[in-house]
Protein backbone atom coordinates (compact mmCIF):
# COMPACT_ATOMS: atom_id res chain seq x y z
CA UNK A 1 22.83 50.39 -6.33
CA UNK A 2 22.34 47.54 -8.70
CA UNK A 3 24.55 44.95 -10.21
CA UNK A 4 25.33 45.63 -13.80
CA UNK A 5 26.54 42.83 -16.06
CA UNK A 6 27.64 42.97 -19.65
CA UNK A 7 26.64 40.57 -22.45
CA UNK A 8 29.51 38.16 -21.91
CA UNK A 9 28.64 37.74 -18.24
CA UNK A 10 24.94 37.11 -19.06
CA UNK A 11 25.84 34.40 -21.57
CA UNK A 12 28.27 32.87 -19.08
CA UNK A 13 25.53 32.68 -16.44
CA UNK A 14 23.11 31.18 -18.97
CA UNK A 15 25.77 28.61 -19.95
CA UNK A 16 26.47 27.65 -16.33
CA UNK A 17 22.74 27.28 -15.58
CA UNK A 18 22.19 25.22 -18.75
CA UNK A 19 25.15 22.96 -17.94
CA UNK A 20 23.86 22.51 -14.38
CA UNK A 21 20.39 21.64 -15.69
CA UNK A 22 21.79 19.12 -18.21
CA UNK A 23 24.02 17.55 -15.53
CA UNK A 24 21.07 17.21 -13.15
CA UNK A 25 18.88 15.62 -15.84
CA UNK A 26 21.63 13.17 -16.79
CA UNK A 27 22.31 12.36 -13.12
CA UNK A 28 18.61 11.82 -12.41
CA UNK A 29 18.24 9.65 -15.51
CA UNK A 30 21.25 7.56 -14.43
CA UNK A 31 19.90 7.08 -10.91
CA UNK A 32 16.42 6.13 -12.16
CA UNK A 33 17.87 3.71 -14.73
CA UNK A 34 20.08 2.07 -12.11
CA UNK A 35 17.17 1.77 -9.68
CA UNK A 36 14.94 0.21 -12.34
CA UNK A 37 17.66 -2.25 -13.33
CA UNK A 38 18.15 -3.32 -9.70
CA UNK A 39 14.40 -3.72 -9.21
CA UNK A 40 14.01 -5.77 -12.40
CA UNK A 41 16.90 -8.01 -11.33
CA UNK A 42 15.20 -8.47 -7.96
CA UNK A 43 11.93 -9.43 -9.66
CA UNK A 44 13.80 -11.80 -11.99
CA UNK A 45 15.47 -13.48 -8.99
CA UNK A 46 12.07 -13.76 -7.31
CA UNK A 47 10.61 -15.49 -10.35
CA UNK A 48 13.62 -17.80 -10.52
CA UNK A 49 13.26 -18.81 -6.89
CA UNK A 50 9.51 -19.26 -7.38
CA UNK A 51 10.20 -21.48 -10.39
CA UNK A 52 12.61 -23.61 -8.35
CA UNK A 53 10.11 -23.88 -5.49
CA UNK A 54 7.30 -24.87 -7.85
CA UNK A 55 9.51 -27.49 -9.53
CA UNK A 56 10.37 -28.93 -6.11
CA UNK A 57 6.70 -29.10 -5.21
CA UNK A 58 5.83 -30.80 -8.48
CA UNK A 59 8.55 -33.37 -7.84
CA UNK A 60 7.07 -34.00 -4.37
CA UNK A 61 3.57 -34.35 -5.85
CA UNK A 62 4.86 -36.75 -8.50
CA UNK A 63 6.51 -38.85 -5.80
CA UNK A 64 3.26 -38.90 -3.84
CA UNK A 65 1.28 -39.98 -6.91
CA UNK A 66 3.82 -42.73 -7.57
CA UNK A 67 3.34 -43.97 -4.00
CA UNK A 68 -0.45 -43.92 -4.44
CA UNK A 69 -0.13 -45.80 -7.74
CA UNK A 70 2.00 -48.43 -6.00
CA UNK A 71 -0.65 -48.81 -3.31
CA UNK A 72 -3.38 -49.20 -5.95
CA UNK A 73 -1.30 -51.81 -7.76
CA UNK A 74 -0.84 -53.74 -4.49
CA UNK A 75 -4.59 -53.52 -3.79
CA UNK A 76 -5.38 -54.73 -7.30
CA UNK A 77 -3.04 -57.70 -6.80
CA UNK A 78 -4.77 -58.55 -3.51
CA UNK A 79 -8.22 -58.32 -5.09
CA UNK A 80 -7.15 -60.61 -7.94
CA UNK A 81 -5.86 -63.10 -5.33
CA UNK A 82 -9.14 -62.91 -3.44
CA UNK A 83 -11.12 -63.41 -6.66
CA UNK A 84 -9.11 -66.52 -7.43
CA UNK A 85 -9.64 -67.83 -3.88
CA UNK A 86 -13.40 -67.16 -3.99
CA UNK A 87 -13.70 -68.93 -7.35
CA UNK A 88 -11.87 -71.92 -5.84
CA UNK A 89 -14.23 -71.98 -2.81
CA UNK A 90 -17.32 -71.73 -5.05
CA UNK A 91 -16.04 -74.57 -7.22
CA UNK A 92 -15.40 -76.72 -4.14
CA UNK A 93 -18.77 -75.97 -2.53
CA UNK A 94 -21.08 -75.97 -5.55
CA UNK A 95 -19.12 -78.17 -7.91
CA UNK A 96 -18.14 -77.38 -11.47
CA UNK A 97 -20.21 -75.53 -14.06
CA UNK A 98 -19.50 -77.94 -16.92
CA UNK A 99 -23.05 -79.26 -17.23
CA UNK A 100 -24.93 -76.00 -16.69
CA UNK A 101 -26.05 -73.61 -19.41
């Protein structure tokens, strides 16, 4: 007791199976494409936030270097003042250098 099908039924079954296969491939391709797009957007957002964080850190480092430069400038000003004061003391103690060679 078997099932007998004619040619039209066989081609109908083949058509349904082919359409199902094509629909599954298209659906899978759509899902994979959407997933990849979402993941790439996530990576892009990660790089953007990393760029913003790095820029903020560079700004902080620049501010720190500016503060260090200001401290060096103040120290240089103090040293120049001390040099002037020491030259004045040496001149007072030892006299002037006008006659020496």
